[in-house]
PDB file of N, CA and C in Angstrom:
ATOM      1  N   MET A   1      -7.762  31.711 -10.513  1.00  0.00           N
ATOM      2  CA  MET A   1      -9.090  31.241 -10.894  1.00  0.00           C
ATOM      3  C   MET A   1      -9.923  32.457 -11.279  1.00  0.00           C
ATOM      4  N   ASN A   2     -10.406  32.472 -12.507  1.00  0.00           N
ATOM      5  CA  ASN A   2     -11.276  33.540 -12.992  1.00  0.00           C
ATOM      6  C   ASN A   2     -12.696  33.020 -13.072  1.00  0.00           C
ATOM      7  N   LEU A   3     -13.577  33.541 -12.240  1.00  0.00           N
ATOM      8  CA  LEU A   3     -14.981  33.133 -12.312  1.00  0.00           C
ATOM      9  C   LEU A   3     -15.591  33.723 -13.572  1.00  0.00           C
ATOM     10  N   ILE A   4     -16.472  32.983 -14.228  1.00  0.00           N
ATOM     11  CA  ILE A   4     -17.076  33.442 -15.480  1.00  0.00           C
ATOM     12  C   ILE A   4     -18.594  33.469 -15.374  1.00  0.00           C
ATOM     13  N   ALA A   5     -19.201  34.261 -16.249  1.00  0.00           N
ATOM     14  CA  ALA A   5     -20.660  34.298 -16.374  1.00  0.00           C
ATOM     15  C   ALA A   5     -21.062  33.347 -17.502  1.00  0.00           C
ATOM     16  N   LEU A   6     -22.149  32.649 -17.311  1.00  0.00           N
ATOM     17  CA  LEU A   6     -22.618  31.695 -18.314  1.00  0.00           C
ATOM     18  C   LEU A   6     -23.640  32.347 -19.230  1.00  0.00           C
ATOM     19  N   PRO A   7     -23.837  31.755 -20.422  1.00  0.00           N
ATOM     20  CA  PRO A   7     -24.832  32.309 -21.352  1.00  0.00           C
ATOM     21  C   PRO A   7     -26.227  32.295 -20.744  1.00  0.00           C
ATOM     22  N   ASP A   8     -27.037  33.217 -21.204  1.00  0.00           N
ATOM     23  CA  ASP A   8     -28.416  33.289 -20.739  1.00  0.00           C
ATOM     24  C   ASP A   8     -29.306  33.426 -21.962  1.00  0.00           C
ATOM     25  N   PRO A   9     -30.264  32.559 -22.195  1.00  0.00           N
ATOM     26  CA  PRO A   9     -30.664  31.432 -21.370  1.00  0.00           C
ATOM     27  C   PRO A   9     -29.692  30.265 -21.544  1.00  0.00           C
ATOM     28  N   LEU A  10     -29.694  29.370 -20.573  1.00  0.00           N
ATOM     29  CA  LEU A  10     -28.819  28.202 -20.623  1.00  0.00           C
ATOM     30  C   LEU A  10     -29.413  27.135 -21.531  1.00  0.00           C
ATOM     31  N   ALA A  11     -28.571  26.590 -22.382  1.00  0.00           N
ATOM     32  CA  ALA A  11     -28.955  25.461 -23.226  1.00  0.00           C
ATOM     33  C   ALA A  11     -27.784  24.485 -23.212  1.00  0.00           C
ATOM     34  N   PHE A  12     -28.076  23.196 -23.259  1.00  0.00           N
ATOM     35  CA  PHE A  12     -27.046  22.168 -23.168  1.00  0.00           C
ATOM     36  C   PHE A  12     -27.008  21.322 -24.428  1.00  0.00           C
ATOM     37  N   GLU A  13     -25.832  20.769 -24.681  1.00  0.00           N
ATOM     38  CA  GLU A  13     -25.642  19.855 -25.807  1.00  0.00           C
ATOM     39  C   GLU A  13     -24.671  18.769 -25.355  1.00  0.00           C
ATOM     40  N   TRP A  14     -24.980  17.553 -25.679  1.00  0.00           N
ATOM     41  CA  TRP A  14     -24.103  16.411 -25.431  1.00  0.00           C
ATOM     42  C   TRP A  14     -23.956  15.664 -26.747  1.00  0.00           C
ATOM     43  N   ASP A  15     -22.794  15.097 -26.994  1.00  0.00           N
ATOM     44  CA  ASP A  15     -22.756  14.182 -28.129  1.00  0.00           C
ATOM     45  C   ASP A  15     -22.991  12.781 -27.579  1.00  0.00           C
ATOM     46  N   ARG A  16     -23.596  11.952 -28.380  1.00  0.00           N
ATOM     47  CA  ARG A  16     -24.042  10.631 -27.935  1.00  0.00           C
ATOM     48  C   ARG A  16     -22.901   9.797 -27.353  1.00  0.00           C
ATOM     49  N   GLY A  17     -21.738   9.859 -27.980  1.00  0.00           N
ATOM     50  CA  GLY A  17     -20.584   9.099 -27.491  1.00  0.00           C
ATOM     51  C   GLY A  17     -20.154   9.549 -26.110  1.00  0.00           C
ATOM     52  N   ASN A  18     -20.158  10.850 -25.879  1.00  0.00           N
ATOM     53  CA  ASN A  18     -19.767  11.390 -24.579  1.00  0.00           C
ATOM     54  C   ASN A  18     -20.750  10.966 -23.496  1.00  0.00           C
ATOM     55  N   GLN A  19     -22.022  10.945 -23.820  1.00  0.00           N
ATOM     56  CA  GLN A  19     -23.036  10.544 -22.838  1.00  0.00           C
ATOM     57  C   GLN A  19     -22.750   9.133 -22.338  1.00  0.00           C
ATOM     58  N   THR A  20     -22.575   8.215 -23.251  1.00  0.00           N
ATOM     59  CA  THR A  20     -22.364   6.814 -22.901  1.00  0.00           C
ATOM     60  C   THR A  20     -21.028   6.625 -22.198  1.00  0.00           C
ATOM     61  N   LYS A  21     -19.976   7.192 -22.759  1.00  0.00           N
ATOM     62  CA  LYS A  21     -18.635   7.048 -22.199  1.00  0.00           C
ATOM     63  C   LYS A  21     -18.561   7.637 -20.797  1.00  0.00           C
ATOM     64  N   ASN A  22     -19.097   8.834 -20.617  1.00  0.00           N
ATOM     65  CA  ASN A  22     -19.021   9.501 -19.316  1.00  0.00           C
ATOM     66  C   ASN A  22     -19.820   8.749 -18.258  1.00  0.00           C
ATOM     67  N   PHE A  23     -21.013   8.299 -18.616  1.00  0.00           N
ATOM     68  CA  PHE A  23     -21.829   7.575 -17.642  1.00  0.00           C
ATOM     69  C   PHE A  23     -21.151   6.274 -17.244  1.00  0.00           C
ATOM     70  N   THR A  24     -20.610   5.553 -18.209  1.00  0.00           N
ATOM     71  CA  THR A  24     -19.943   4.286 -17.924  1.00  0.00           C
ATOM     72  C   THR A  24     -18.718   4.497 -17.044  1.00  0.00           C
ATOM     73  N   LYS A  25     -17.921   5.493 -17.354  1.00  0.00           N
ATOM     74  CA  LYS A  25     -16.677   5.730 -16.621  1.00  0.00           C
ATOM     75  C   LYS A  25     -16.910   6.307 -15.228  1.00  0.00           C
ATOM     76  N   HIS A  26     -17.795   7.295 -15.107  1.00  0.00           N
ATOM     77  CA  HIS A  26     -17.957   8.026 -13.854  1.00  0.00           C
ATOM     78  C   HIS A  26     -19.297   7.810 -13.150  1.00  0.00           C
ATOM     79  N   GLY A  27     -20.252   7.191 -13.821  1.00  0.00           N
ATOM     80  CA  GLY A  27     -21.555   6.946 -13.213  1.00  0.00           C
ATOM     81  C   GLY A  27     -22.381   8.205 -12.996  1.00  0.00           C
ATOM     82  N   ILE A  28     -22.147   9.246 -13.818  1.00  0.00           N
ATOM     83  CA  ILE A  28     -22.869  10.511 -13.708  1.00  0.00           C
ATOM     84  C   ILE A  28     -23.829  10.625 -14.883  1.00  0.00           C
ATOM     85  N   THR A  29     -25.084  10.923 -14.608  1.00  0.00           N
ATOM     86  CA  THR A  29     -26.077  11.053 -15.675  1.00  0.00           C
ATOM     87  C   THR A  29     -26.070  12.474 -16.247  1.00  0.00           C
ATOM     88  N   ILE A  30     -26.702  12.616 -17.392  1.00  0.00           N
ATOM     89  CA  ILE A  30     -26.851  13.932 -18.023  1.00  0.00           C
ATOM     90  C   ILE A  30     -27.559  14.882 -17.064  1.00  0.00           C
ATOM     91  N   ARG A  31     -28.624  14.426 -16.470  1.00  0.00           N
ATOM     92  CA  ARG A  31     -29.413  15.260 -15.568  1.00  0.00           C
ATOM     93  C   ARG A  31     -28.587  15.727 -14.365  1.00  0.00           C
ATOM     94  N   GLN A  32     -27.775  14.844 -13.801  1.00  0.00           N
ATOM     95  CA  GLN A  32     -26.921  15.217 -12.674  1.00  0.00           C
ATOM     96  C   GLN A  32     -25.911  16.285 -13.084  1.00  0.00           C
ATOM     97  N   ALA A  33     -25.281  16.103 -14.246  1.00  0.00           N
ATOM     98  CA  ALA A  33     -24.271  17.053 -14.709  1.00  0.00           C
ATOM     99  C   ALA A  33     -24.888  18.422 -14.997  1.00  0.00           C
ATOM    100  N   GLU A  34     -26.005  18.444 -15.682  1.00  0.00           N
ATOM    101  CA  GLU A  34     -26.662  19.717 -15.991  1.00  0.00           C
ATOM    102  C   GLU A  34     -27.131  20.417 -14.719  1.00  0.00           C
ATOM    103  N   ALA A  35     -27.552  19.652 -13.711  1.00  0.00           N
ATOM    104  CA  ALA A  35     -28.028  20.235 -12.453  1.00  0.00           C
ATOM    105  C   ALA A  35     -26.931  21.026 -11.756  1.00  0.00           C
ATOM    106  N   VAL A  36     -25.685  20.596 -11.898  1.00  0.00           N
ATOM    107  CA  VAL A  36     -24.569  21.325 -11.282  1.00  0.00           C
ATOM    108  C   VAL A  36     -24.517  22.747 -11.834  1.00  0.00           C
ATOM    109  N   ILE A  37     -24.614  22.881 -13.146  1.00  0.00           N
ATOM    110  CA  ILE A  37     -24.529  24.193 -13.790  1.00  0.00           C
ATOM    111  C   ILE A  37     -25.794  25.017 -13.536  1.00  0.00           C
ATOM    112  N   LEU A  38     -26.928  24.366 -13.433  1.00  0.00           N
ATOM    113  CA  LEU A  38     -28.187  25.069 -13.177  1.00  0.00           C
ATOM    114  C   LEU A  38     -28.332  25.519 -11.720  1.00  0.00           C
ATOM    115  N   HIS A  39     -27.622  24.881 -10.825  1.00  0.00           N
ATOM    116  CA  HIS A  39     -27.721  25.223  -9.403  1.00  0.00           C
ATOM    117  C   HIS A  39     -27.143  26.621  -9.180  1.00  0.00           C
ATOM    118  N   PRO A  40     -27.845  27.485  -8.455  1.00  0.00           N
ATOM    119  CA  PRO A  40     -27.395  28.874  -8.296  1.00  0.00           C
ATOM    120  C   PRO A  40     -26.087  29.041  -7.525  1.00  0.00           C
ATOM    121  N   ASP A  41     -25.680  28.054  -6.754  1.00  0.00           N
ATOM    122  CA  ASP A  41     -24.469  28.191  -5.948  1.00  0.00           C
ATOM    123  C   ASP A  41     -23.232  27.533  -6.551  1.00  0.00           C
ATOM    124  N   HIS A  42     -23.288  27.131  -7.809  1.00  0.00           N
ATOM    125  CA  HIS A  42     -22.098  26.522  -8.403  1.00  0.00           C
ATOM    126  C   HIS A  42     -21.021  27.593  -8.636  1.00  0.00           C
ATOM    127  N   ILE A  43     -19.779  27.140  -8.792  1.00  0.00           N
ATOM    128  CA  ILE A  43     -18.706  28.050  -9.203  1.00  0.00           C
ATOM    129  C   ILE A  43     -18.212  27.591 -10.563  1.00  0.00           C
ATOM    130  N   THR A  44     -17.883  28.527 -11.415  1.00  0.00           N
ATOM    131  CA  THR A  44     -17.413  28.217 -12.759  1.00  0.00           C
ATOM    132  C   THR A  44     -16.187  29.072 -13.046  1.00  0.00           C
ATOM    133  N   PHE A  45     -15.161  28.442 -13.606  1.00  0.00           N
ATOM    134  CA  PHE A  45     -13.934  29.170 -13.896  1.00  0.00           C
ATOM    135  C   PHE A  45     -13.252  28.602 -15.134  1.00  0.00           C
ATOM    136  N   ASP A  46     -12.314  29.396 -15.686  1.00  0.00           N
ATOM    137  CA  ASP A  46     -11.536  28.987 -16.860  1.00  0.00           C
ATOM    138  C   ASP A  46     -10.675  27.778 -16.535  1.00  0.00           C
ATOM    139  N   ASP A  47     -10.367  26.989 -17.561  1.00  0.00           N
ATOM    140  CA  ASP A  47      -9.457  25.854 -17.435  1.00  0.00           C
ATOM    141  C   ASP A  47      -8.341  26.014 -18.465  1.00  0.00           C
ATOM    142  N   PRO A  48      -7.426  26.980 -18.256  1.00  0.00           N
ATOM    143  CA  PRO A  48      -6.412  27.262 -19.274  1.00  0.00           C
ATOM    144  C   PRO A  48      -5.469  26.090 -19.550  1.00  0.00           C
ATOM    145  N   ALA A  49      -5.246  25.225 -18.563  1.00  0.00           N
ATOM    146  CA  ALA A  49      -4.350  24.089 -18.754  1.00  0.00           C
ATOM    147  C   ALA A  49      -4.873  23.098 -19.799  1.00  0.00           C
ATOM    148  N   HIS A  50      -6.192  23.098 -20.041  1.00  0.00           N
ATOM    149  CA  HIS A  50      -6.789  22.156 -20.999  1.00  0.00           C
ATOM    150  C   HIS A  50      -7.509  22.878 -22.138  1.00  0.00           C
ATOM    151  N   SER A  51      -7.085  24.108 -22.415  1.00  0.00           N
ATOM    152  CA  SER A  51      -7.773  24.918 -23.424  1.00  0.00           C
ATOM    153  C   SER A  51      -6.937  25.172 -24.676  1.00  0.00           C
ATOM    154  N   ALA A  52      -6.001  24.314 -24.986  1.00  0.00           N
ATOM    155  CA  ALA A  52      -5.156  24.535 -26.163  1.00  0.00           C
ATOM    156  C   ALA A  52      -5.967  24.475 -27.456  1.00  0.00           C
ATOM    157  N   TYR A  53      -6.855  23.493 -27.575  1.00  0.00           N
ATOM    158  CA  TYR A  53      -7.646  23.308 -28.791  1.00  0.00           C
ATOM    159  C   TYR A  53      -8.904  24.167 -28.787  1.00  0.00           C
ATOM    160  N   LYS A  54      -9.633  24.152 -27.695  1.00  0.00           N
ATOM    161  CA  LYS A  54     -10.820  24.995 -27.531  1.00  0.00           C
ATOM    162  C   LYS A  54     -10.924  25.400 -26.072  1.00  0.00           C
ATOM    163  N   LYS A  55     -11.489  26.562 -25.825  1.00  0.00           N
ATOM    164  CA  LYS A  55     -11.597  27.104 -24.470  1.00  0.00           C
ATOM    165  C   LYS A  55     -12.501  26.205 -23.628  1.00  0.00           C
ATOM    166  N   ARG A  56     -11.971  25.774 -22.497  1.00  0.00           N
ATOM    167  CA  ARG A  56     -12.725  24.912 -21.584  1.00  0.00           C
ATOM    168  C   ARG A  56     -12.948  25.613 -20.258  1.00  0.00           C
ATOM    169  N   TYR A  57     -14.015  25.192 -19.613  1.00  0.00           N
ATOM    170  CA  TYR A  57     -14.389  25.732 -18.317  1.00  0.00           C
ATOM    171  C   TYR A  57     -14.665  24.575 -17.368  1.00  0.00           C
ATOM    172  N   VAL A  58     -14.595  24.874 -16.076  1.00  0.00           N
ATOM    173  CA  VAL A  58     -14.892  23.890 -15.044  1.00  0.00           C
ATOM    174  C   VAL A  58     -15.967  24.476 -14.136  1.00  0.00           C
ATOM    175  N   ALA A  59     -16.977  23.673 -13.849  1.00  0.00           N
ATOM    176  CA  ALA A  59     -18.012  24.057 -12.884  1.00  0.00           C
ATOM    177  C   ALA A  59     -17.983  23.037 -11.747  1.00  0.00           C
ATOM    178  N   ILE A  60     -18.059  23.539 -10.535  1.00  0.00           N
ATOM    179  CA  ILE A  60     -18.146  22.661  -9.361  1.00  0.00           C
ATOM    180  C   ILE A  60     -19.406  23.063  -8.613  1.00  0.00           C
ATOM    181  N   GLY A  61     -20.214  22.067  -8.296  1.00  0.00           N
ATOM    182  CA  GLY A  61     -21.455  22.372  -7.599  1.00  0.00           C
ATOM    183  C   GLY A  61     -22.190  21.118  -7.174  1.00  0.00           C
ATOM    184  N   VAL A  62     -23.383  21.333  -6.687  1.00  0.00           N
ATOM    185  CA  VAL A  62     -24.198  20.253  -6.130  1.00  0.00           C
ATOM    186  C   VAL A  62     -25.133  19.711  -7.205  1.00  0.00           C
ATOM    187  N   SER A  63     -25.188  18.400  -7.303  1.00  0.00           N
ATOM    188  CA  SER A  63     -26.083  17.764  -8.274  1.00  0.00           C
ATOM    189  C   SER A  63     -27.435  17.483  -7.631  1.00  0.00           C
ATOM    190  N   ILE A  64     -28.315  16.857  -8.386  1.00  0.00           N
ATOM    191  CA  ILE A  64     -29.666  16.560  -7.894  1.00  0.00           C
ATOM    192  C   ILE A  64     -29.667  15.562  -6.735  1.00  0.00           C
ATOM    193  N   ASN A  65     -28.575  14.799  -6.592  1.00  0.00           N
ATOM    194  CA  ASN A  65     -28.502  13.846  -5.475  1.00  0.00           C
ATOM    195  C   ASN A  65     -27.619  14.381  -4.343  1.00  0.00           C
ATOM    196  N   PHE A  66     -27.401  15.700  -4.339  1.00  0.00           N
ATOM    197  CA  PHE A  66     -26.668  16.415  -3.293  1.00  0.00           C
ATOM    198  C   PHE A  66     -25.198  16.024  -3.201  1.00  0.00           C
ATOM    199  N   GLU A  67     -24.650  15.497  -4.279  1.00  0.00           N
ATOM    200  CA  GLU A  67     -23.227  15.172  -4.355  1.00  0.00           C
ATOM    201  C   GLU A  67     -22.513  16.343  -5.033  1.00  0.00           C
ATOM    202  N   ILE A  68     -21.313  16.667  -4.575  1.00  0.00           N
ATOM    203  CA  ILE A  68     -20.540  17.722  -5.224  1.00  0.00           C
ATOM    204  C   ILE A  68     -19.824  17.105  -6.426  1.00  0.00           C
ATOM    205  N   LEU A  69     -20.132  17.655  -7.604  1.00  0.00           N
ATOM    206  CA  LEU A  69     -19.574  17.149  -8.858  1.00  0.00           C
ATOM    207  C   LEU A  69     -18.746  18.225  -9.549  1.00  0.00           C
ATOM    208  N   THR A  70     -17.848  17.773 -10.404  1.00  0.00           N
ATOM    209  CA  THR A  70     -17.058  18.651 -11.259  1.00  0.00           C
ATOM    210  C   THR A  70     -17.456  18.379 -12.699  1.00  0.00           C
ATOM    211  N   VAL A  71     -17.811  19.437 -13.421  1.00  0.00           N
ATOM    212  CA  VAL A  71     -18.265  19.327 -14.802  1.00  0.00           C
ATOM    213  C   VAL A  71     -17.335  20.166 -15.676  1.00  0.00           C
ATOM    214  N   VAL A  72     -16.793  19.557 -16.712  1.00  0.00           N
ATOM    215  CA  VAL A  72     -15.929  20.254 -17.674  1.00  0.00           C
ATOM    216  C   VAL A  72     -16.758  20.490 -18.927  1.00  0.00           C
ATOM    217  N   PHE A  73     -16.683  21.715 -19.458  1.00  0.00           N
ATOM    218  CA  PHE A  73     -17.512  22.033 -20.625  1.00  0.00           C
ATOM    219  C   PHE A  73     -16.866  23.117 -21.474  1.00  0.00           C
ATOM    220  N   THR A  74     -17.406  23.299 -22.646  1.00  0.00           N
ATOM    221  CA  THR A  74     -17.049  24.395 -23.531  1.00  0.00           C
ATOM    222  C   THR A  74     -18.340  25.113 -23.909  1.00  0.00           C
ATOM    223  N   ILE A  75     -18.219  26.305 -24.453  1.00  0.00           N
ATOM    224  CA  ILE A  75     -19.403  27.054 -24.881  1.00  0.00           C
ATOM    225  C   ILE A  75     -19.272  27.327 -26.373  1.00  0.00           C
ATOM    226  N   ARG A  76     -20.265  26.895 -27.134  1.00  0.00           N
ATOM    227  CA  ARG A  76     -20.314  27.118 -28.580  1.00  0.00           C
ATOM    228  C   ARG A  76     -21.632  27.797 -28.927  1.00  0.00           C
ATOM    229  N   LYS A  77     -21.538  28.979 -29.491  1.00  0.00           N
ATOM    230  CA  LYS A  77     -22.739  29.721 -29.893  1.00  0.00           C
ATOM    231  C   LYS A  77     -23.766  29.780 -28.767  1.00  0.00           C
ATOM    232  N   ASN A  78     -23.297  30.117 -27.563  1.00  0.00           N
ATOM    233  CA  ASN A  78     -24.140  30.231 -26.367  1.00  0.00           C
ATOM    234  C   ASN A  78     -24.803  28.923 -25.939  1.00  0.00           C
ATOM    235  N   ILE A  79     -24.249  27.796 -26.368  1.00  0.00           N
ATOM    236  CA  ILE A  79     -24.744  26.493 -25.939  1.00  0.00           C
ATOM    237  C   ILE A  79     -23.634  25.812 -25.147  1.00  0.00           C
ATOM    238  N   ILE A  80     -23.960  25.318 -23.975  1.00  0.00           N
ATOM    239  CA  ILE A  80     -22.990  24.626 -23.138  1.00  0.00           C
ATOM    240  C   ILE A  80     -22.880  23.190 -23.616  1.00  0.00           C
ATOM    241  N   ARG A  81     -21.678  22.817 -24.031  1.00  0.00           N
ATOM    242  CA  ARG A  81     -21.416  21.452 -24.492  1.00  0.00           C
ATOM    243  C   ARG A  81     -20.594  20.768 -23.406  1.00  0.00           C
ATOM    244  N   ILE A  82     -21.212  19.840 -22.704  1.00  0.00           N
ATOM    245  CA  ILE A  82     -20.555  19.161 -21.600  1.00  0.00           C
ATOM    246  C   ILE A  82     -19.593  18.106 -22.143  1.00  0.00           C
ATOM    247  N   ILE A  83     -18.362  18.178 -21.659  1.00  0.00           N
ATOM    248  CA  ILE A  83     -17.313  17.264 -22.079  1.00  0.00           C
ATOM    249  C   ILE A  83     -17.202  16.099 -21.107  1.00  0.00           C
ATOM    250  N   SER A  84     -17.256  16.409 -19.813  1.00  0.00           N
ATOM    251  CA  SER A  84     -17.072  15.384 -18.790  1.00  0.00           C
ATOM    252  C   SER A  84     -17.747  15.812 -17.493  1.00  0.00           C
ATOM    253  N   ALA A  85     -18.160  14.838 -16.711  1.00  0.00           N
ATOM    254  CA  ALA A  85     -18.710  15.093 -15.373  1.00  0.00           C
ATOM    255  C   ALA A  85     -18.281  13.937 -14.481  1.00  0.00           C
ATOM    256  N   ARG A  86     -17.868  14.284 -13.261  1.00  0.00           N
ATOM    257  CA  ARG A  86     -17.371  13.269 -12.336  1.00  0.00           C
ATOM    258  C   ARG A  86     -17.533  13.764 -10.907  1.00  0.00           C
ATOM    259  N   SER A  87     -17.343  12.862  -9.952  1.00  0.00           N
ATOM    260  CA  SER A  87     -17.327  13.254  -8.551  1.00  0.00           C
ATOM    261  C   SER A  87     -16.126  14.166  -8.329  1.00  0.00           C
ATOM    262  N   SER A  88     -16.306  15.188  -7.519  1.00  0.00           N
ATOM    263  CA  SER A  88     -15.227  16.136  -7.251  1.00  0.00           C
ATOM    264  C   SER A  88     -14.175  15.509  -6.339  1.00  0.00           C
ATOM    265  N   SER A  89     -12.933  15.925  -6.554  1.00  0.00           N
ATOM    266  CA  SER A  89     -11.839  15.499  -5.682  1.00  0.00           C
ATOM    267  C   SER A  89     -11.942  16.234  -4.349  1.00  0.00           C
ATOM    268  N   LYS A  90     -11.173  15.815  -3.362  1.00  0.00           N
ATOM    269  CA  LYS A  90     -11.169  16.505  -2.063  1.00  0.00           C
ATOM    270  C   LYS A  90     -10.772  17.967  -2.231  1.00  0.00           C
ATOM    271  N   LYS A  91      -9.795  18.228  -3.078  1.00  0.00           N
ATOM    272  CA  LYS A  91      -9.328  19.598  -3.327  1.00  0.00           C
ATOM    273  C   LYS A  91     -10.443  20.437  -3.955  1.00  0.00           C
ATOM    274  N   GLU A  92     -11.166  19.863  -4.935  1.00  0.00           N
ATOM    275  CA  GLU A  92     -12.267  20.573  -5.585  1.00  0.00           C
ATOM    276  C   GLU A  92     -13.414  20.829  -4.609  1.00  0.00           C
ATOM    277  N   LYS A  93     -13.724  19.851  -3.769  1.00  0.00           N
ATOM    278  CA  LYS A  93     -14.767  20.031  -2.759  1.00  0.00           C
ATOM    279  C   LYS A  93     -14.406  21.155  -1.801  1.00  0.00           C
ATOM    280  N   SER A  94     -13.154  21.179  -1.385  1.00  0.00           N
ATOM    281  CA  SER A  94     -12.691  22.235  -0.477  1.00  0.00           C
ATOM    282  C   SER A  94     -12.794  23.608  -1.140  1.00  0.00           C
ATOM    283  N   LEU A  95     -12.391  23.705  -2.401  1.00  0.00           N
ATOM    284  CA  LEU A  95     -12.502  24.957  -3.152  1.00  0.00           C
ATOM    285  C   LEU A  95     -13.953  25.405  -3.230  1.00  0.00           C
ATOM    286  N   TYR A  96     -14.841  24.470  -3.543  1.00  0.00           N
ATOM    287  CA  TYR A  96     -16.271  24.788  -3.644  1.00  0.00           C
ATOM    288  C   TYR A  96     -16.805  25.300  -2.303  1.00  0.00           C
ATOM    289  N   GLU A  97     -16.476  24.602  -1.246  1.00  0.00           N
ATOM    290  CA  GLU A  97     -16.985  24.973   0.079  1.00  0.00           C
ATOM    291  C   GLU A  97     -16.469  26.339   0.510  1.00  0.00           C
ATOM    292  N   LYS A  98     -15.230  26.681   0.150  1.00  0.00           N
ATOM    293  CA  LYS A  98     -14.653  27.979   0.509  1.00  0.00           C
ATOM    294  C   LYS A  98     -15.242  29.115  -0.333  1.00  0.00           C
ATOM    295  N   THR A  99     -15.597  28.818  -1.587  1.00  0.00           N
ATOM    296  CA  THR A  99     -16.008  29.850  -2.541  1.00  0.00           C
ATOM    297  C   THR A  99     -17.509  30.084  -2.562  1.00  0.00           C
ATOM    298  N   SER A 100     -18.294  29.045  -2.363  1.00  0.00           N
ATOM    299  CA  SER A 100     -19.763  29.205  -2.502  1.00  0.00           C
ATOM    300  C   SER A 100     -20.409  29.734  -1.254  1.00  0.00           C
TER     301      SER A 100
END
């Protein structure tokens, strides 16, 4: 796991289809997903297993409702483009708790 630094200042981008699809599938709002990355105690690392087409990253952290979430994203021109956000698995929660 390689921890990464995020662009500064942080800016987010969602495509409309992803917003609707992600919320319907996982019940996570845009605000909840962005809060994970904005929270100072999140962890972010490379996702080489899913980076064949474009480089992807994973962030695990606490959302605005104090739930530990996993957010998958890419960075384009210093803008974070969120691909997916969901509740973290037990393994991801354990990793977050050990690392943060």
